[in-house]
């Protein structure tokens, strides 16, 4: 995707969460080509068999919690928690006596996880501050043979969507 197309896509969305989702989706698509499916987390893992609605490896993006604080007027400062869930349909042995190539295959999801972390850590845009990883969690889906890893990031953005220009006051700081 060219910078102009990416910018046009982000400009077409007004929601800060929509912009953040599109930024992450396009950045992961570009930087981690091993990922075959990047979508909002709409409960795909809660279905009887997620294989029916996903391709693997897949990434699900969600914003499970966002504390807000008030700024001037109706404006707010957001500190979103961003969940990047990596879903891998690869179940290969990793026990100590398995052949090395089998173990490497079984641990491939950890390599993809590291690439996602490296691509997203400190990612920023003109509408949000740099993303920072705060947690990495494993979830077993042995019932359907999937390996699931969740990376949690935080960021910060200012939401001016309720801004009324007639009430905006210009503030400047003087240093002496």
N, C-alpha and C. Protein backbone atom coordinates (compact mmCIF):
# COMPACT_ATOMS: atom_id res chain seq x y z
N UNK A 1 0.84 -1.17 0.00
CA UNK A 1 0.00 0.00 0.00
C UNK A 1 0.89 1.23 0.00
N UNK A 2 0.62 2.14 -0.90
CA UNK A 2 1.42 3.36 -0.98
C UNK A 2 1.05 4.29 0.17
N UNK A 3 1.97 5.20 0.54
CA UNK A 3 1.67 6.14 1.62
C UNK A 3 0.40 6.95 1.36
N UNK A 4 0.16 7.35 0.09
CA UNK A 4 -1.03 8.12 -0.24
C UNK A 4 -2.28 7.30 0.01
N UNK A 5 -2.29 6.05 -0.39
CA UNK A 5 -3.44 5.18 -0.19
C UNK A 5 -3.66 4.94 1.29
N UNK A 6 -2.59 4.70 2.04
CA UNK A 6 -2.70 4.48 3.48
C UNK A 6 -3.27 5.71 4.14
N UNK A 7 -2.77 6.89 3.78
CA UNK A 7 -3.25 8.13 4.35
C UNK A 7 -4.72 8.36 4.01
N UNK A 8 -5.10 8.07 2.77
CA UNK A 8 -6.50 8.24 2.36
C UNK A 8 -7.40 7.31 3.16
N UNK A 9 -6.96 6.10 3.40
CA UNK A 9 -7.74 5.15 4.18
C UNK A 9 -7.92 5.65 5.60
N UNK A 10 -6.84 6.09 6.24
CA UNK A 10 -6.93 6.61 7.60
C UNK A 10 -7.76 7.88 7.67
N UNK A 11 -7.68 8.74 6.64
CA UNK A 11 -8.45 9.97 6.63
C UNK A 11 -9.94 9.72 6.44
N UNK A 12 -10.30 8.59 5.85
CA UNK A 12 -11.70 8.26 5.60
C UNK A 12 -12.42 7.81 6.87
N UNK A 13 -11.68 7.54 7.93
CA UNK A 13 -12.25 7.07 9.19
C UNK A 13 -12.08 8.16 10.23
N UNK A 14 -13.17 8.49 10.93
CA UNK A 14 -13.10 9.54 11.94
C UNK A 14 -12.84 9.00 13.34
N UNK A 15 -13.26 7.80 13.62
CA UNK A 15 -13.10 7.22 14.95
C UNK A 15 -11.63 6.99 15.26
N UNK A 16 -11.15 7.46 16.42
CA UNK A 16 -9.75 7.18 16.79
C UNK A 16 -9.47 5.68 16.86
N UNK A 17 -10.44 4.90 17.32
CA UNK A 17 -10.24 3.45 17.38
C UNK A 17 -10.19 2.85 15.98
N UNK A 18 -11.01 3.37 15.07
CA UNK A 18 -10.98 2.91 13.69
C UNK A 18 -9.64 3.21 13.04
N UNK A 19 -9.13 4.42 13.28
CA UNK A 19 -7.82 4.79 12.74
C UNK A 19 -6.73 3.89 13.31
N UNK A 20 -6.78 3.65 14.61
CA UNK A 20 -5.77 2.81 15.24
C UNK A 20 -5.84 1.38 14.71
N UNK A 21 -7.05 0.86 14.54
CA UNK A 21 -7.21 -0.49 13.98
C UNK A 21 -6.60 -0.56 12.58
N UNK A 22 -6.94 0.39 11.71
CA UNK A 22 -6.42 0.37 10.34
C UNK A 22 -4.91 0.52 10.31
N UNK A 23 -4.36 1.38 11.17
CA UNK A 23 -2.91 1.54 11.26
C UNK A 23 -2.25 0.20 11.61
N UNK A 24 -2.78 -0.46 12.64
CA UNK A 24 -2.21 -1.74 13.06
C UNK A 24 -2.36 -2.80 11.98
N UNK A 25 -3.54 -2.87 11.38
CA UNK A 25 -3.80 -3.87 10.35
C UNK A 25 -2.82 -3.72 9.18
N UNK A 26 -2.67 -2.51 8.69
CA UNK A 26 -1.77 -2.29 7.55
C UNK A 26 -0.31 -2.48 7.92
N UNK A 27 0.05 -2.07 9.13
CA UNK A 27 1.45 -2.20 9.55
C UNK A 27 1.84 -3.68 9.73
N UNK A 28 0.98 -4.45 10.35
CA UNK A 28 1.26 -5.88 10.52
C UNK A 28 1.30 -6.56 9.15
N UNK A 29 0.37 -6.21 8.29
CA UNK A 29 0.33 -6.80 6.93
C UNK A 29 1.66 -6.55 6.19
N UNK A 30 2.19 -5.36 6.35
CA UNK A 30 3.43 -4.99 5.66
C UNK A 30 4.67 -5.59 6.31
N UNK A 31 4.73 -5.52 7.64
CA UNK A 31 5.95 -5.90 8.36
C UNK A 31 6.04 -7.38 8.71
N UNK A 32 4.91 -8.07 8.78
CA UNK A 32 4.91 -9.49 9.16
C UNK A 32 4.11 -10.26 8.11
N UNK A 33 4.69 -10.50 6.95
CA UNK A 33 3.94 -11.13 5.86
C UNK A 33 3.51 -12.57 6.14
N UNK A 34 4.06 -13.19 7.19
CA UNK A 34 3.64 -14.54 7.55
C UNK A 34 2.18 -14.58 8.02
N UNK A 35 1.69 -13.45 8.51
CA UNK A 35 0.31 -13.39 9.01
C UNK A 35 -0.64 -13.35 7.82
N UNK A 36 -1.59 -14.30 7.80
CA UNK A 36 -2.49 -14.47 6.68
C UNK A 36 -3.87 -13.81 6.88
N UNK A 37 -4.19 -13.43 8.12
CA UNK A 37 -5.53 -12.93 8.43
C UNK A 37 -5.41 -11.92 9.57
N UNK A 38 -5.90 -10.70 9.34
CA UNK A 38 -5.87 -9.65 10.36
C UNK A 38 -7.26 -9.05 10.42
N UNK A 39 -7.90 -9.18 11.58
CA UNK A 39 -9.29 -8.77 11.70
C UNK A 39 -9.57 -8.26 13.11
N UNK A 40 -10.68 -7.59 13.27
CA UNK A 40 -11.14 -7.24 14.61
C UNK A 40 -11.47 -8.53 15.36
N UNK A 41 -11.28 -8.50 16.66
CA UNK A 41 -11.67 -9.65 17.47
C UNK A 41 -13.18 -9.56 17.68
N UNK A 42 -13.90 -10.39 16.94
CA UNK A 42 -15.36 -10.41 16.99
C UNK A 42 -15.87 -11.70 17.62
N UNK A 43 -15.00 -12.35 18.39
CA UNK A 43 -15.40 -13.59 19.04
C UNK A 43 -15.08 -14.84 18.23
N UNK A 44 -14.21 -14.72 17.25
CA UNK A 44 -13.88 -15.85 16.40
C UNK A 44 -13.39 -17.05 17.22
N UNK A 45 -12.64 -16.82 18.29
CA UNK A 45 -12.11 -17.93 19.08
C UNK A 45 -13.18 -18.60 19.94
N UNK A 46 -14.32 -17.96 20.07
CA UNK A 46 -15.41 -18.53 20.87
C UNK A 46 -16.32 -19.45 20.08
N UNK A 47 -16.05 -19.61 18.79
CA UNK A 47 -16.87 -20.50 17.98
C UNK A 47 -16.43 -21.95 18.18
N UNK A 48 -17.27 -22.89 17.76
CA UNK A 48 -16.94 -24.30 17.91
C UNK A 48 -15.61 -24.65 17.26
N UNK A 49 -15.37 -24.14 16.07
CA UNK A 49 -14.10 -24.36 15.39
C UNK A 49 -13.69 -23.08 14.66
N UNK A 50 -12.78 -22.31 15.24
CA UNK A 50 -12.34 -21.06 14.61
C UNK A 50 -11.78 -21.26 13.20
N UNK A 51 -11.42 -22.48 12.83
CA UNK A 51 -10.89 -22.72 11.49
C UNK A 51 -11.92 -22.38 10.41
N UNK A 52 -13.19 -22.39 10.77
CA UNK A 52 -14.25 -22.09 9.81
C UNK A 52 -14.34 -20.60 9.49
N UNK A 53 -13.74 -19.73 10.30
CA UNK A 53 -13.88 -18.30 10.06
C UNK A 53 -12.55 -17.55 10.03
N UNK A 54 -11.41 -18.26 10.06
CA UNK A 54 -10.10 -17.62 10.08
C UNK A 54 -9.12 -18.35 9.18
N UNK A 55 -8.07 -17.65 8.80
CA UNK A 55 -6.89 -18.25 8.16
C UNK A 55 -5.74 -18.11 9.15
N UNK A 56 -4.75 -18.97 9.04
CA UNK A 56 -3.67 -19.01 10.02
C UNK A 56 -2.30 -18.86 9.37
N UNK A 57 -1.34 -18.25 10.06
CA UNK A 57 -1.52 -17.56 11.33
C UNK A 57 -2.40 -16.34 11.16
N UNK A 58 -3.18 -16.07 12.19
CA UNK A 58 -4.10 -14.95 12.18
C UNK A 58 -3.87 -14.03 13.36
N UNK A 59 -4.29 -12.79 13.19
CA UNK A 59 -4.19 -11.80 14.25
C UNK A 59 -5.58 -11.18 14.45
N UNK A 60 -5.99 -11.14 15.72
CA UNK A 60 -7.24 -10.48 16.09
C UNK A 60 -6.89 -9.25 16.91
N UNK A 61 -7.49 -8.12 16.59
CA UNK A 61 -7.19 -6.85 17.25
C UNK A 61 -8.42 -6.38 18.01
N UNK A 62 -8.20 -5.96 19.26
CA UNK A 62 -9.31 -5.47 20.07
C UNK A 62 -8.81 -4.36 20.99
N UNK A 63 -9.75 -3.59 21.50
CA UNK A 63 -9.48 -2.52 22.45
C UNK A 63 -10.35 -2.79 23.68
N UNK A 64 -9.92 -3.72 24.54
CA UNK A 64 -10.78 -4.19 25.63
C UNK A 64 -11.03 -3.19 26.75
N UNK A 65 -10.16 -2.19 26.90
CA UNK A 65 -10.33 -1.26 28.00
C UNK A 65 -9.62 0.05 27.65
N UNK A 66 -10.33 1.15 27.84
CA UNK A 66 -9.73 2.46 27.57
C UNK A 66 -10.16 3.45 28.64
N UNK A 67 -9.29 3.74 29.58
CA UNK A 67 -9.59 4.82 30.54
C UNK A 67 -9.50 6.17 29.83
N UNK A 68 -10.42 7.08 30.19
CA UNK A 68 -10.43 8.43 29.65
C UNK A 68 -10.30 9.42 30.79
N UNK A 69 -9.68 10.55 30.53
CA UNK A 69 -9.68 11.67 31.46
C UNK A 69 -10.05 12.91 30.67
N UNK A 70 -10.61 13.88 31.35
CA UNK A 70 -11.10 15.08 30.69
C UNK A 70 -9.97 16.06 30.40
N UNK A 71 -10.09 16.68 29.25
CA UNK A 71 -9.24 17.79 28.87
C UNK A 71 -10.12 19.04 28.86
N UNK A 72 -9.71 20.06 28.22
CA UNK A 72 -10.50 21.29 28.12
C UNK A 72 -11.81 21.02 27.37
N UNK A 73 -12.90 21.60 27.84
CA UNK A 73 -14.19 21.46 27.18
C UNK A 73 -14.67 20.02 27.22
N UNK A 74 -15.14 19.53 26.07
CA UNK A 74 -15.66 18.17 25.97
C UNK A 74 -14.57 17.18 25.52
N UNK A 75 -13.36 17.65 25.35
CA UNK A 75 -12.28 16.82 24.84
C UNK A 75 -11.77 15.87 25.91
N UNK A 76 -11.21 14.75 25.45
CA UNK A 76 -10.73 13.74 26.39
C UNK A 76 -9.39 13.16 25.96
N UNK A 77 -8.66 12.71 26.97
CA UNK A 77 -7.40 12.01 26.77
C UNK A 77 -7.67 10.52 26.98
N UNK A 78 -7.33 9.71 26.01
CA UNK A 78 -7.57 8.27 26.08
C UNK A 78 -6.26 7.52 26.27
N UNK A 79 -6.30 6.48 27.07
CA UNK A 79 -5.16 5.57 27.27
C UNK A 79 -5.62 4.16 26.94
N UNK A 80 -5.73 3.83 25.64
CA UNK A 80 -6.29 2.53 25.27
C UNK A 80 -5.36 1.36 25.58
N UNK A 81 -5.98 0.27 25.97
CA UNK A 81 -5.31 -1.02 26.04
C UNK A 81 -5.61 -1.70 24.72
N UNK A 82 -4.58 -2.17 24.05
CA UNK A 82 -4.72 -2.76 22.72
C UNK A 82 -4.31 -4.22 22.80
N UNK A 83 -5.22 -5.09 22.41
CA UNK A 83 -4.98 -6.52 22.45
C UNK A 83 -4.69 -7.02 21.03
N UNK A 84 -3.52 -7.62 20.85
CA UNK A 84 -3.12 -8.23 19.58
C UNK A 84 -3.03 -9.73 19.85
N UNK A 85 -3.99 -10.48 19.35
CA UNK A 85 -4.04 -11.92 19.62
C UNK A 85 -3.57 -12.67 18.39
N UNK A 86 -2.50 -13.43 18.56
CA UNK A 86 -1.94 -14.26 17.48
C UNK A 86 -2.51 -15.67 17.62
N UNK A 87 -3.11 -16.17 16.55
CA UNK A 87 -3.70 -17.51 16.56
C UNK A 87 -2.97 -18.34 15.52
N UNK A 88 -2.43 -19.47 15.99
CA UNK A 88 -1.60 -20.31 15.14
C UNK A 88 -2.20 -21.71 15.06
N UNK A 89 -2.35 -22.20 13.85
CA UNK A 89 -2.87 -23.55 13.63
C UNK A 89 -1.69 -24.48 13.36
N UNK A 90 -0.86 -24.61 14.36
CA UNK A 90 0.34 -25.41 14.19
C UNK A 90 0.57 -26.15 15.50
N UNK A 91 0.48 -27.41 15.45
CA UNK A 91 0.69 -28.16 16.67
C UNK A 91 1.73 -29.22 16.38
N UNK A 92 2.97 -28.87 16.62
CA UNK A 92 4.08 -29.78 16.40
C UNK A 92 4.78 -30.01 17.73
N UNK A 93 5.41 -31.13 17.87
CA UNK A 93 6.05 -31.49 19.13
C UNK A 93 7.23 -30.57 19.46
N UNK A 94 7.38 -30.28 20.75
CA UNK A 94 8.52 -29.49 21.21
C UNK A 94 9.23 -30.15 22.38
N UNK A 95 8.90 -31.38 22.68
CA UNK A 95 9.54 -32.05 23.81
C UNK A 95 11.01 -32.29 23.50
N UNK A 96 11.82 -32.46 24.54
CA UNK A 96 13.28 -32.42 24.42
C UNK A 96 13.88 -33.47 23.49
N UNK A 97 13.24 -34.62 23.28
CA UNK A 97 13.81 -35.65 22.41
C UNK A 97 13.24 -35.65 20.99
N UNK A 98 12.36 -34.69 20.70
CA UNK A 98 11.86 -34.57 19.33
C UNK A 98 12.99 -34.04 18.45
N UNK A 99 13.02 -34.41 17.18
CA UNK A 99 14.06 -33.89 16.28
C UNK A 99 14.04 -32.35 16.26
N UNK A 100 15.20 -31.76 16.10
CA UNK A 100 15.35 -30.31 16.14
C UNK A 100 14.41 -29.62 15.14
N UNK A 101 14.32 -30.12 13.91
CA UNK A 101 13.45 -29.46 12.92
C UNK A 101 11.98 -29.53 13.33
N UNK A 102 11.57 -30.58 14.02
CA UNK A 102 10.20 -30.70 14.52
C UNK A 102 9.98 -29.67 15.63
N UNK A 103 10.94 -29.54 16.53
CA UNK A 103 10.83 -28.56 17.62
C UNK A 103 10.80 -27.14 17.08
N UNK A 104 11.63 -26.86 16.07
CA UNK A 104 11.62 -25.53 15.47
C UNK A 104 10.26 -25.21 14.87
N UNK A 105 9.65 -26.18 14.22
CA UNK A 105 8.31 -25.99 13.66
C UNK A 105 7.31 -25.73 14.77
N UNK A 106 7.43 -26.46 15.87
CA UNK A 106 6.52 -26.29 16.99
C UNK A 106 6.65 -24.94 17.68
N UNK A 107 7.80 -24.32 17.54
CA UNK A 107 8.03 -23.02 18.19
C UNK A 107 7.93 -21.83 17.23
N UNK A 108 7.55 -22.11 15.98
CA UNK A 108 7.48 -21.05 14.97
C UNK A 108 6.56 -19.90 15.40
N UNK A 109 5.48 -20.22 16.13
CA UNK A 109 4.57 -19.16 16.54
C UNK A 109 5.27 -18.13 17.42
N UNK A 110 6.27 -18.56 18.20
CA UNK A 110 7.01 -17.62 19.04
C UNK A 110 7.86 -16.67 18.18
N UNK A 111 8.36 -17.17 17.06
CA UNK A 111 9.12 -16.31 16.14
C UNK A 111 8.21 -15.27 15.51
N UNK A 112 7.00 -15.69 15.11
CA UNK A 112 6.05 -14.74 14.53
C UNK A 112 5.61 -13.73 15.59
N UNK A 113 5.40 -14.18 16.81
CA UNK A 113 5.05 -13.27 17.90
C UNK A 113 6.12 -12.21 18.08
N UNK A 114 7.38 -12.61 18.04
CA UNK A 114 8.48 -11.66 18.20
C UNK A 114 8.50 -10.64 17.07
N UNK A 115 8.23 -11.10 15.85
CA UNK A 115 8.20 -10.17 14.71
C UNK A 115 7.06 -9.16 14.86
N UNK A 116 5.91 -9.62 15.36
CA UNK A 116 4.79 -8.71 15.58
C UNK A 116 5.16 -7.69 16.65
N UNK A 117 5.74 -8.16 17.75
CA UNK A 117 6.19 -7.23 18.80
C UNK A 117 7.14 -6.19 18.23
N UNK A 118 8.14 -6.63 17.49
CA UNK A 118 9.14 -5.71 16.95
C UNK A 118 8.51 -4.71 15.97
N UNK A 119 7.48 -5.14 15.24
CA UNK A 119 6.81 -4.25 14.29
C UNK A 119 5.95 -3.21 14.98
N UNK A 120 5.35 -3.58 16.12
CA UNK A 120 4.39 -2.69 16.77
C UNK A 120 5.01 -1.84 17.87
N UNK A 121 6.00 -2.36 18.56
CA UNK A 121 6.61 -1.60 19.66
C UNK A 121 7.08 -0.24 19.16
N UNK A 122 6.64 0.81 19.80
CA UNK A 122 6.96 2.20 19.48
C UNK A 122 6.33 2.71 18.18
N UNK A 123 5.39 1.95 17.59
CA UNK A 123 4.66 2.43 16.43
C UNK A 123 3.83 3.64 16.86
N UNK A 124 3.93 4.71 16.08
CA UNK A 124 3.15 5.90 16.41
C UNK A 124 2.64 6.53 15.13
N UNK A 125 1.72 7.46 15.31
CA UNK A 125 1.14 8.15 14.18
C UNK A 125 0.82 9.58 14.61
N UNK A 126 0.34 10.38 13.69
CA UNK A 126 0.00 11.75 14.06
C UNK A 126 -1.24 11.81 14.96
N UNK A 127 -1.97 10.71 15.12
CA UNK A 127 -3.15 10.71 15.97
C UNK A 127 -2.99 9.89 17.25
N UNK A 128 -1.83 9.24 17.43
CA UNK A 128 -1.62 8.49 18.67
C UNK A 128 -0.14 8.46 19.04
N UNK A 129 0.09 8.30 20.33
CA UNK A 129 1.46 8.18 20.84
C UNK A 129 1.99 6.78 20.57
N UNK A 130 3.27 6.58 20.79
CA UNK A 130 3.93 5.30 20.54
C UNK A 130 3.28 4.18 21.36
N UNK A 131 3.11 3.02 20.72
CA UNK A 131 2.57 1.86 21.40
C UNK A 131 3.68 1.18 22.19
N UNK A 132 3.33 0.71 23.39
CA UNK A 132 4.29 0.03 24.24
C UNK A 132 3.69 -1.26 24.77
N UNK A 133 4.44 -2.35 24.63
CA UNK A 133 3.96 -3.64 25.12
C UNK A 133 3.95 -3.64 26.64
N UNK A 134 2.86 -4.14 27.22
CA UNK A 134 2.75 -4.24 28.67
C UNK A 134 2.59 -5.67 29.15
N UNK A 135 2.23 -6.59 28.25
CA UNK A 135 2.06 -8.00 28.67
C UNK A 135 2.07 -8.91 27.45
N UNK A 136 2.40 -10.17 27.72
CA UNK A 136 2.29 -11.25 26.73
C UNK A 136 1.72 -12.45 27.49
N UNK A 137 0.63 -13.01 26.97
CA UNK A 137 -0.08 -14.07 27.66
C UNK A 137 -0.36 -15.22 26.70
N UNK A 138 -0.22 -16.44 27.18
CA UNK A 138 -0.56 -17.61 26.38
C UNK A 138 -1.93 -18.15 26.76
N UNK A 139 -2.67 -18.60 25.76
CA UNK A 139 -3.98 -19.22 25.98
C UNK A 139 -4.00 -20.52 25.19
N UNK A 140 -4.24 -21.61 25.84
CA UNK A 140 -4.32 -22.89 25.13
C UNK A 140 -5.73 -23.10 24.60
N UNK A 141 -5.81 -23.54 23.36
CA UNK A 141 -7.08 -23.95 22.76
C UNK A 141 -6.89 -25.40 22.30
N UNK A 142 -6.49 -26.24 23.25
CA UNK A 142 -6.23 -27.64 22.93
C UNK A 142 -7.46 -28.35 22.41
N UNK A 143 -8.65 -27.85 22.75
CA UNK A 143 -9.88 -28.49 22.28
C UNK A 143 -10.00 -28.44 20.77
N UNK A 144 -9.37 -27.46 20.12
CA UNK A 144 -9.39 -27.37 18.66
C UNK A 144 -7.99 -27.35 18.07
N UNK A 145 -6.97 -27.55 18.89
CA UNK A 145 -5.60 -27.65 18.39
C UNK A 145 -4.99 -26.34 17.92
N UNK A 146 -5.33 -25.23 18.57
CA UNK A 146 -4.77 -23.93 18.21
C UNK A 146 -3.85 -23.43 19.31
N UNK A 147 -2.85 -22.70 18.93
CA UNK A 147 -1.96 -22.04 19.87
C UNK A 147 -2.30 -20.57 19.83
N UNK A 148 -2.56 -19.97 20.97
CA UNK A 148 -3.00 -18.57 21.03
C UNK A 148 -2.08 -17.79 21.95
N UNK A 149 -1.58 -16.66 21.47
CA UNK A 149 -0.75 -15.76 22.26
C UNK A 149 -1.35 -14.37 22.16
N UNK A 150 -1.45 -13.68 23.28
CA UNK A 150 -2.00 -12.33 23.30
C UNK A 150 -0.93 -11.35 23.76
N UNK A 151 -0.70 -10.35 22.92
CA UNK A 151 0.20 -9.24 23.27
C UNK A 151 -0.67 -8.05 23.63
N UNK A 152 -0.34 -7.41 24.73
CA UNK A 152 -1.09 -6.23 25.16
C UNK A 152 -0.19 -5.01 25.07
N UNK A 153 -0.72 -3.97 24.45
CA UNK A 153 0.00 -2.71 24.28
C UNK A 153 -0.85 -1.58 24.86
N UNK A 154 -0.20 -0.48 25.16
CA UNK A 154 -0.92 0.74 25.54
C UNK A 154 -0.44 1.87 24.64
N UNK A 155 -1.26 2.89 24.56
CA UNK A 155 -0.93 4.09 23.80
C UNK A 155 -1.67 5.26 24.45
N UNK A 156 -1.72 6.35 23.74
CA UNK A 156 -2.43 7.53 24.23
C UNK A 156 -2.85 8.35 23.02
N UNK A 157 -4.07 8.87 23.08
CA UNK A 157 -4.51 9.81 22.04
C UNK A 157 -5.50 10.79 22.65
N UNK A 158 -5.64 11.94 22.00
CA UNK A 158 -6.59 12.96 22.42
C UNK A 158 -7.78 12.90 21.49
N UNK A 159 -8.98 12.88 22.08
CA UNK A 159 -10.21 12.79 21.30
C UNK A 159 -10.89 14.16 21.32
N UNK A 160 -10.90 14.80 20.16
CA UNK A 160 -11.52 16.11 20.01
C UNK A 160 -12.83 16.02 19.23
N UNK A 161 -13.42 14.85 19.14
CA UNK A 161 -14.60 14.67 18.31
C UNK A 161 -15.81 15.46 18.79
N UNK A 162 -15.85 15.84 20.05
CA UNK A 162 -16.95 16.66 20.58
C UNK A 162 -16.56 18.12 20.66
N UNK A 163 -15.44 18.48 20.07
CA UNK A 163 -14.91 19.84 20.17
C UNK A 163 -15.85 20.84 19.50
N UNK A 164 -16.10 21.92 20.18
CA UNK A 164 -16.87 23.04 19.66
C UNK A 164 -15.89 24.22 19.57
N UNK A 165 -15.50 24.56 18.36
CA UNK A 165 -14.48 25.60 18.16
C UNK A 165 -14.81 26.91 18.87
N UNK A 166 -16.10 27.21 19.05
CA UNK A 166 -16.45 28.47 19.68
C UNK A 166 -16.06 28.48 21.15
N UNK A 167 -15.86 27.31 21.76
CA UNK A 167 -15.50 27.25 23.17
C UNK A 167 -14.01 26.97 23.40
N UNK A 168 -13.27 26.80 22.34
CA UNK A 168 -11.85 26.48 22.46
C UNK A 168 -11.07 27.71 22.92
N UNK A 169 -10.24 27.53 23.89
CA UNK A 169 -9.40 28.61 24.41
C UNK A 169 -7.96 28.27 24.09
N UNK A 170 -7.26 29.22 23.52
CA UNK A 170 -5.85 29.02 23.19
C UNK A 170 -5.02 29.17 24.47
N UNK A 171 -4.18 28.21 24.76
CA UNK A 171 -3.32 28.26 25.94
C UNK A 171 -1.88 28.25 25.47
N UNK A 172 -1.09 29.18 26.02
CA UNK A 172 0.33 29.17 25.70
C UNK A 172 1.10 29.28 27.02
N UNK A 173 2.24 28.68 27.07
CA UNK A 173 3.09 28.70 28.26
C UNK A 173 4.28 29.62 28.01
N UNK A 174 4.59 30.43 29.01
CA UNK A 174 5.75 31.30 28.91
C UNK A 174 6.87 30.73 29.77
N UNK A 175 8.05 30.75 29.21
CA UNK A 175 9.22 30.36 30.01
C UNK A 175 10.15 31.56 30.09
N UNK A 176 10.67 31.80 31.25
CA UNK A 176 11.55 32.95 31.41
C UNK A 176 12.91 32.51 31.88
